[in-house]
Amino acid sequence: MELGRLEYLQALVTEFQVTDSPEAKEQVLANLANFAYDPKNYEYLRQLQVLDLFLDMLTEDNETLVEFAIGKGCT
């Protein structure tokens, strides 16, 4: 079964929320940031509240997560 764009992005958000691995969180957040560069994904990312997720990462102790969040917030 092939996932549609919304379903795939939802799977990434869910993976980010349930994983305890800092490395996995970094990878998933990087993937979400890459999707955020494409305007076609804006409505999906808004619907999934990914911007809020990026904003929440600004207060994390993990510098990589903060950098990804800042980088996405600047684009």
PDB file of N, CA and C in Angstrom:
ATOM      1  N   MET A   1       0.841  -1.180   0.000  1.00  0.00           N
ATOM      2  CA  MET A   1       0.000   0.000   0.000  1.00  0.00           C
ATOM      3  C   MET A   1       0.889   1.248   0.000  1.00  0.00           C
ATOM      4  N   GLU A   2       0.588   2.152  -0.886  1.00  0.00           N
ATOM      5  CA  GLU A   2       1.345   3.395  -0.994  1.00  0.00           C
ATOM      6  C   GLU A   2       0.637   4.491  -0.199  1.00  0.00           C
ATOM      7  N   LEU A   3       1.418   5.182   0.616  1.00  0.00           N
ATOM      8  CA  LEU A   3       0.856   6.277   1.402  1.00  0.00           C
ATOM      9  C   LEU A   3       0.774   7.539   0.562  1.00  0.00           C
ATOM     10  N   GLY A   4      -0.293   8.308   0.746  1.00  0.00           N
ATOM     11  CA  GLY A   4      -0.372   9.620   0.138  1.00  0.00           C
ATOM     12  C   GLY A   4       0.509  10.584   0.910  1.00  0.00           C
ATOM     13  N   ARG A   5       0.645  11.768   0.385  1.00  0.00           N
ATOM     14  CA  ARG A   5       1.525  12.769   1.004  1.00  0.00           C
ATOM     15  C   ARG A   5       1.089  13.082   2.443  1.00  0.00           C
ATOM     16  N   LEU A   6      -0.189  13.324   2.655  1.00  0.00           N
ATOM     17  CA  LEU A   6      -0.678  13.641   3.999  1.00  0.00           C
ATOM     18  C   LEU A   6      -0.422  12.481   4.961  1.00  0.00           C
ATOM     19  N   GLU A   7      -0.705  11.282   4.519  1.00  0.00           N
ATOM     20  CA  GLU A   7      -0.507  10.114   5.381  1.00  0.00           C
ATOM     21  C   GLU A   7       0.965   9.911   5.717  1.00  0.00           C
ATOM     22  N   TYR A   8       1.833  10.162   4.737  1.00  0.00           N
ATOM     23  CA  TYR A   8       3.268  10.016   4.977  1.00  0.00           C
ATOM     24  C   TYR A   8       3.746  11.048   5.993  1.00  0.00           C
ATOM     25  N   LEU A   9       3.314  12.288   5.827  1.00  0.00           N
ATOM     26  CA  LEU A   9       3.697  13.334   6.773  1.00  0.00           C
ATOM     27  C   LEU A   9       3.136  13.043   8.161  1.00  0.00           C
ATOM     28  N   GLN A  10       1.921  12.528   8.230  1.00  0.00           N
ATOM     29  CA  GLN A  10       1.338  12.144   9.527  1.00  0.00           C
ATOM     30  C   GLN A  10       2.172  11.047  10.172  1.00  0.00           C
ATOM     31  N   ALA A  11       2.641  10.100   9.369  1.00  0.00           N
ATOM     32  CA  ALA A  11       3.485   9.026   9.904  1.00  0.00           C
ATOM     33  C   ALA A  11       4.787   9.587  10.468  1.00  0.00           C
ATOM     34  N   LEU A  12       5.366  10.586   9.789  1.00  0.00           N
ATOM     35  CA  LEU A  12       6.587  11.218  10.299  1.00  0.00           C
ATOM     36  C   LEU A  12       6.321  11.929  11.626  1.00  0.00           C
ATOM     37  N   VAL A  13       5.231  12.677  11.695  1.00  0.00           N
ATOM     38  CA  VAL A  13       4.891  13.393  12.930  1.00  0.00           C
ATOM     39  C   VAL A  13       4.682  12.393  14.069  1.00  0.00           C
ATOM     40  N   THR A  14       3.966  11.329  13.795  1.00  0.00           N
ATOM     41  CA  THR A  14       3.721  10.308  14.816  1.00  0.00           C
ATOM     42  C   THR A  14       5.023   9.666  15.262  1.00  0.00           C
ATOM     43  N   GLU A  15       5.883   9.338  14.306  1.00  0.00           N
ATOM     44  CA  GLU A  15       7.178   8.749  14.649  1.00  0.00           C
ATOM     45  C   GLU A  15       7.973   9.698  15.541  1.00  0.00           C
ATOM     46  N   PHE A  16       7.964  10.978  15.209  1.00  0.00           N
ATOM     47  CA  PHE A  16       8.677  11.962  16.018  1.00  0.00           C
ATOM     48  C   PHE A  16       8.129  11.983  17.445  1.00  0.00           C
ATOM     49  N   GLN A  17       6.828  11.930  17.574  1.00  0.00           N
ATOM     50  CA  GLN A  17       6.189  12.043  18.885  1.00  0.00           C
ATOM     51  C   GLN A  17       6.391  10.813  19.761  1.00  0.00           C
ATOM     52  N   VAL A  18       6.515   9.636  19.164  1.00  0.00           N
ATOM     53  CA  VAL A  18       6.579   8.411  19.970  1.00  0.00           C
ATOM     54  C   VAL A  18       7.995   7.909  20.220  1.00  0.00           C
ATOM     55  N   THR A  19       8.964   8.363  19.439  1.00  0.00           N
ATOM     56  CA  THR A  19      10.314   7.841  19.616  1.00  0.00           C
ATOM     57  C   THR A  19      11.009   8.497  20.802  1.00  0.00           C
ATOM     58  N   ASP A  20      11.842   7.715  21.458  1.00  0.00           N
ATOM     59  CA  ASP A  20      12.658   8.231  22.559  1.00  0.00           C
ATOM     60  C   ASP A  20      14.098   8.468  22.127  1.00  0.00           C
ATOM     61  N   SER A  21      14.442   8.031  20.935  1.00  0.00           N
ATOM     62  CA  SER A  21      15.813   8.134  20.434  1.00  0.00           C
ATOM     63  C   SER A  21      16.097   9.551  19.934  1.00  0.00           C
ATOM     64  N   PRO A  22      17.097  10.227  20.520  1.00  0.00           N
ATOM     65  CA  PRO A  22      17.445  11.570  20.035  1.00  0.00           C
ATOM     66  C   PRO A  22      17.862  11.567  18.563  1.00  0.00           C
ATOM     67  N   GLU A  23      18.576  10.531  18.144  1.00  0.00           N
ATOM     68  CA  GLU A  23      19.012  10.456  16.745  1.00  0.00           C
ATOM     69  C   GLU A  23      17.821  10.301  15.808  1.00  0.00           C
ATOM     70  N   ALA A  24      16.849   9.496  16.204  1.00  0.00           N
ATOM     71  CA  ALA A  24      15.652   9.316  15.375  1.00  0.00           C
ATOM     72  C   ALA A  24      14.861  10.620  15.302  1.00  0.00           C
ATOM     73  N   LYS A  25      14.752  11.327  16.424  1.00  0.00           N
ATOM     74  CA  LYS A  25      14.051  12.619  16.421  1.00  0.00           C
ATOM     75  C   LYS A  25      14.733  13.600  15.471  1.00  0.00           C
ATOM     76  N   GLU A  26      16.071  13.626  15.500  1.00  0.00           N
ATOM     77  CA  GLU A  26      16.815  14.519  14.609  1.00  0.00           C
ATOM     78  C   GLU A  26      16.532  14.186  13.152  1.00  0.00           C
ATOM     79  N   GLN A  27      16.558  12.897  12.824  1.00  0.00           N
ATOM     80  CA  GLN A  27      16.335  12.481  11.441  1.00  0.00           C
ATOM     81  C   GLN A  27      14.917  12.822  10.982  1.00  0.00           C
ATOM     82  N   VAL A  28      13.941  12.548  11.822  1.00  0.00           N
ATOM     83  CA  VAL A  28      12.547  12.822  11.451  1.00  0.00           C
ATOM     84  C   VAL A  28      12.309  14.326  11.328  1.00  0.00           C
ATOM     85  N   LEU A  29      12.851  15.107  12.256  1.00  0.00           N
ATOM     86  CA  LEU A  29      12.672  16.559  12.172  1.00  0.00           C
ATOM     87  C   LEU A  29      13.337  17.115  10.919  1.00  0.00           C
ATOM     88  N   ALA A  30      14.494  16.568  10.564  1.00  0.00           N
ATOM     89  CA  ALA A  30      15.160  16.983   9.324  1.00  0.00           C
ATOM     90  C   ALA A  30      14.288  16.654   8.117  1.00  0.00           C
ATOM     91  N   ASN A  31      13.666  15.492   8.117  1.00  0.00           N
ATOM     92  CA  ASN A  31      12.775  15.122   7.015  1.00  0.00           C
ATOM     93  C   ASN A  31      11.586  16.077   6.932  1.00  0.00           C
ATOM     94  N   LEU A  32      11.000  16.392   8.064  1.00  0.00           N
ATOM     95  CA  LEU A  32       9.873  17.336   8.065  1.00  0.00           C
ATOM     96  C   LEU A  32      10.314  18.710   7.575  1.00  0.00           C
ATOM     97  N   ALA A  33      11.503  19.128   7.977  1.00  0.00           N
ATOM     98  CA  ALA A  33      12.021  20.422   7.516  1.00  0.00           C
ATOM     99  C   ALA A  33      12.199  20.418   6.006  1.00  0.00           C
ATOM    100  N   ASN A  34      12.684  19.317   5.453  1.00  0.00           N
ATOM    101  CA  ASN A  34      12.843  19.224   3.997  1.00  0.00           C
ATOM    102  C   ASN A  34      11.496  19.320   3.292  1.00  0.00           C
ATOM    103  N   PHE A  35      10.482  18.679   3.831  1.00  0.00           N
ATOM    104  CA  PHE A  35       9.150  18.766   3.229  1.00  0.00           C
ATOM    105  C   PHE A  35       8.599  20.186   3.315  1.00  0.00           C
ATOM    106  N   ALA A  36       9.001  20.923   4.329  1.00  0.00           N
ATOM    107  CA  ALA A  36       8.481  22.280   4.520  1.00  0.00           C
ATOM    108  C   ALA A  36       8.975  23.250   3.452  1.00  0.00           C
ATOM    109  N   TYR A  37      10.031  22.904   2.733  1.00  0.00           N
ATOM    110  CA  TYR A  37      10.531  23.790   1.674  1.00  0.00           C
ATOM    111  C   TYR A  37       9.622  23.799   0.444  1.00  0.00           C
ATOM    112  N   ASP A  38       8.805  22.770   0.287  1.00  0.00           N
ATOM    113  CA  ASP A  38       7.938  22.663  -0.886  1.00  0.00           C
ATOM    114  C   ASP A  38       6.568  23.264  -0.563  1.00  0.00           C
ATOM    115  N   PRO A  39       6.183  24.337  -1.248  1.00  0.00           N
ATOM    116  CA  PRO A  39       4.888  24.976  -0.965  1.00  0.00           C
ATOM    117  C   PRO A  39       3.694  24.034  -1.106  1.00  0.00           C
ATOM    118  N   LYS A  40       3.840  22.968  -1.889  1.00  0.00           N
ATOM    119  CA  LYS A  40       2.745  22.008  -2.044  1.00  0.00           C
ATOM    120  C   LYS A  40       2.384  21.350  -0.714  1.00  0.00           C
ATOM    121  N   ASN A  41       3.339  21.325   0.208  1.00  0.00           N
ATOM    122  CA  ASN A  41       3.122  20.649   1.487  1.00  0.00           C
ATOM    123  C   ASN A  41       2.570  21.565   2.571  1.00  0.00           C
ATOM    124  N   TYR A  42       2.477  22.859   2.285  1.00  0.00           N
ATOM    125  CA  TYR A  42       2.107  23.823   3.328  1.00  0.00           C
ATOM    126  C   TYR A  42       0.800  23.458   4.030  1.00  0.00           C
ATOM    127  N   GLU A  43      -0.223  23.191   3.266  1.00  0.00           N
ATOM    128  CA  GLU A  43      -1.529  22.906   3.870  1.00  0.00           C
ATOM    129  C   GLU A  43      -1.475  21.649   4.738  1.00  0.00           C
ATOM    130  N   TYR A  44      -0.766  20.640   4.266  1.00  0.00           N
ATOM    131  CA  TYR A  44      -0.633  19.409   5.057  1.00  0.00           C
ATOM    132  C   TYR A  44       0.114  19.675   6.358  1.00  0.00           C
ATOM    133  N   LEU A  45       1.213  20.413   6.271  1.00  0.00           N
ATOM    134  CA  LEU A  45       2.017  20.700   7.458  1.00  0.00           C
ATOM    135  C   LEU A  45       1.235  21.562   8.446  1.00  0.00           C
ATOM    136  N   ARG A  46       0.446  22.485   7.929  1.00  0.00           N
ATOM    137  CA  ARG A  46      -0.397  23.316   8.795  1.00  0.00           C
ATOM    138  C   ARG A  46      -1.442  22.455   9.491  1.00  0.00           C
ATOM    139  N   GLN A  47      -2.064  21.579   8.715  1.00  0.00           N
ATOM    140  CA  GLN A  47      -3.087  20.690   9.259  1.00  0.00           C
ATOM    141  C   GLN A  47      -2.513  19.788  10.356  1.00  0.00           C
ATOM    142  N   LEU A  48      -1.273  19.350  10.182  1.00  0.00           N
ATOM    143  CA  LEU A  48      -0.623  18.460  11.150  1.00  0.00           C
ATOM    144  C   LEU A  48       0.086  19.220  12.268  1.00  0.00           C
ATOM    145  N   GLN A  49      -0.004  20.537  12.245  1.00  0.00           N
ATOM    146  CA  GLN A  49       0.584  21.419  13.259  1.00  0.00           C
ATOM    147  C   GLN A  49       2.102  21.241  13.378  1.00  0.00           C
ATOM    148  N   VAL A  50       2.742  21.078  12.231  1.00  0.00           N
ATOM    149  CA  VAL A  50       4.192  20.902  12.217  1.00  0.00           C
ATOM    150  C   VAL A  50       4.900  22.194  12.610  1.00  0.00           C
ATOM    151  N   LEU A  51       4.335  23.351  12.274  1.00  0.00           N
ATOM    152  CA  LEU A  51       4.956  24.608  12.697  1.00  0.00           C
ATOM    153  C   LEU A  51       5.038  24.676  14.224  1.00  0.00           C
ATOM    154  N   ASP A  52       3.983  24.246  14.895  1.00  0.00           N
ATOM    155  CA  ASP A  52       4.005  24.206  16.360  1.00  0.00           C
ATOM    156  C   ASP A  52       5.087  23.259  16.863  1.00  0.00           C
ATOM    157  N   LEU A  53       5.267  22.157  16.165  1.00  0.00           N
ATOM    158  CA  LEU A  53       6.315  21.212  16.535  1.00  0.00           C
ATOM    159  C   LEU A  53       7.683  21.878  16.420  1.00  0.00           C
ATOM    160  N   PHE A  54       7.920  22.613  15.316  1.00  0.00           N
ATOM    161  CA  PHE A  54       9.189  23.334  15.159  1.00  0.00           C
ATOM    162  C   PHE A  54       9.367  24.351  16.286  1.00  0.00           C
ATOM    163  N   LEU A  55       8.321  25.087  16.597  1.00  0.00           N
ATOM    164  CA  LEU A  55       8.406  26.087  17.666  1.00  0.00           C
ATOM    165  C   LEU A  55       8.701  25.436  19.016  1.00  0.00           C
ATOM    166  N   ASP A  56       8.094  24.290  19.273  1.00  0.00           N
ATOM    167  CA  ASP A  56       8.348  23.575  20.526  1.00  0.00           C
ATOM    168  C   ASP A  56       9.807  23.151  20.649  1.00  0.00           C
ATOM    169  N   MET A  57      10.450  22.881  19.529  1.00  0.00           N
ATOM    170  CA  MET A  57      11.839  22.418  19.546  1.00  0.00           C
ATOM    171  C   MET A  57      12.821  23.521  19.929  1.00  0.00           C
ATOM    172  N   LEU A  58      12.385  24.769  19.876  1.00  0.00           N
ATOM    173  CA  LEU A  58      13.274  25.881  20.214  1.00  0.00           C
ATOM    174  C   LEU A  58      13.703  25.857  21.676  1.00  0.00           C
ATOM    175  N   THR A  59      12.966  25.165  22.520  1.00  0.00           N
ATOM    176  CA  THR A  59      13.303  25.109  23.944  1.00  0.00           C
ATOM    177  C   THR A  59      13.968  23.795  24.344  1.00  0.00           C
ATOM    178  N   GLU A  60      14.294  22.961  23.377  1.00  0.00           N
ATOM    179  CA  GLU A  60      14.927  21.673  23.662  1.00  0.00           C
ATOM    180  C   GLU A  60      16.391  21.843  24.043  1.00  0.00           C
ATOM    181  N   ASP A  61      16.919  20.890  24.791  1.00  0.00           N
ATOM    182  CA  ASP A  61      18.342  20.876  25.142  1.00  0.00           C
ATOM    183  C   ASP A  61      19.199  20.372  23.982  1.00  0.00           C
ATOM    184  N   ASN A  62      18.605  19.612  23.075  1.00  0.00           N
ATOM    185  CA  ASN A  62      19.320  19.047  21.930  1.00  0.00           C
ATOM    186  C   ASN A  62      19.553  20.161  20.900  1.00  0.00           C
ATOM    187  N   GLU A  63      20.813  20.560  20.751  1.00  0.00           N
ATOM    188  CA  GLU A  63      21.145  21.681  19.859  1.00  0.00           C
ATOM    189  C   GLU A  63      20.785  21.410  18.406  1.00  0.00           C
ATOM    190  N   THR A  64      20.889  20.162  17.983  1.00  0.00           N
ATOM    191  CA  THR A  64      20.557  19.828  16.595  1.00  0.00           C
ATOM    192  C   THR A  64      19.076  20.073  16.328  1.00  0.00           C
ATOM    193  N   LEU A  65      18.218  19.676  17.257  1.00  0.00           N
ATOM    194  CA  LEU A  65      16.781  19.919  17.090  1.00  0.00           C
ATOM    195  C   LEU A  65      16.490  21.415  17.041  1.00  0.00           C
ATOM    196  N   VAL A  66      17.165  22.174  17.878  1.00  0.00           N
ATOM    197  CA  VAL A  66      16.984  23.631  17.886  1.00  0.00           C
ATOM    198  C   VAL A  66      17.425  24.218  16.551  1.00  0.00           C
ATOM    199  N   GLU A  67      18.567  23.762  16.032  1.00  0.00           N
ATOM    200  CA  GLU A  67      19.067  24.271  14.749  1.00  0.00           C
ATOM    201  C   GLU A  67      18.098  23.975  13.613  1.00  0.00           C
ATOM    202  N   PHE A  68      17.553  22.753  13.576  1.00  0.00           N
ATOM    203  CA  PHE A  68      16.581  22.417  12.532  1.00  0.00           C
ATOM    204  C   PHE A  68      15.353  23.313  12.654  1.00  0.00           C
ATOM    205  N   ALA A  69      14.899  23.540  13.876  1.00  0.00           N
ATOM    206  CA  ALA A  69      13.710  24.369  14.092  1.00  0.00           C
ATOM    207  C   ALA A  69      13.966  25.813  13.681  1.00  0.00           C
ATOM    208  N   ILE A  70      15.128  26.339  14.028  1.00  0.00           N
ATOM    209  CA  ILE A  70      15.466  27.714  13.646  1.00  0.00           C
ATOM    210  C   ILE A  70      15.599  27.820  12.134  1.00  0.00           C
ATOM    211  N   GLY A  71      16.278  26.862  11.540  1.00  0.00           N
ATOM    212  CA  GLY A  71      16.472  26.875  10.092  1.00  0.00           C
ATOM    213  C   GLY A  71      15.158  26.856   9.347  1.00  0.00           C
ATOM    214  N   LYS A  72      14.223  26.071   9.821  1.00  0.00           N
ATOM    215  CA  LYS A  72      12.922  25.999   9.159  1.00  0.00           C
ATOM    216  C   LYS A  72      12.138  27.274   9.413  1.00  0.00           C
ATOM    217  N   GLY A  73      12.274  27.827  10.604  1.00  0.00           N
ATOM    218  CA  GLY A  73      11.545  29.047  10.921  1.00  0.00           C
ATOM    219  C   GLY A  73      12.011  30.237  10.106  1.00  0.00           C
ATOM    220  N   CYS A  74      13.229  30.176   9.602  1.00  0.00           N
ATOM    221  CA  CYS A  74      13.782  31.289   8.818  1.00  0.00           C
ATOM    222  C   CYS A  74      13.393  31.224   7.349  1.00  0.00           C
ATOM    223  N   THR A  75      12.797  30.120   6.908  1.00  0.00           N
ATOM    224  CA  THR A  75      12.472  30.009   5.482  1.00  0.00           C
ATOM    225  C   THR A  75      11.018  30.259   5.209  1.00  0.00           C
TER     226      THR A  75
END
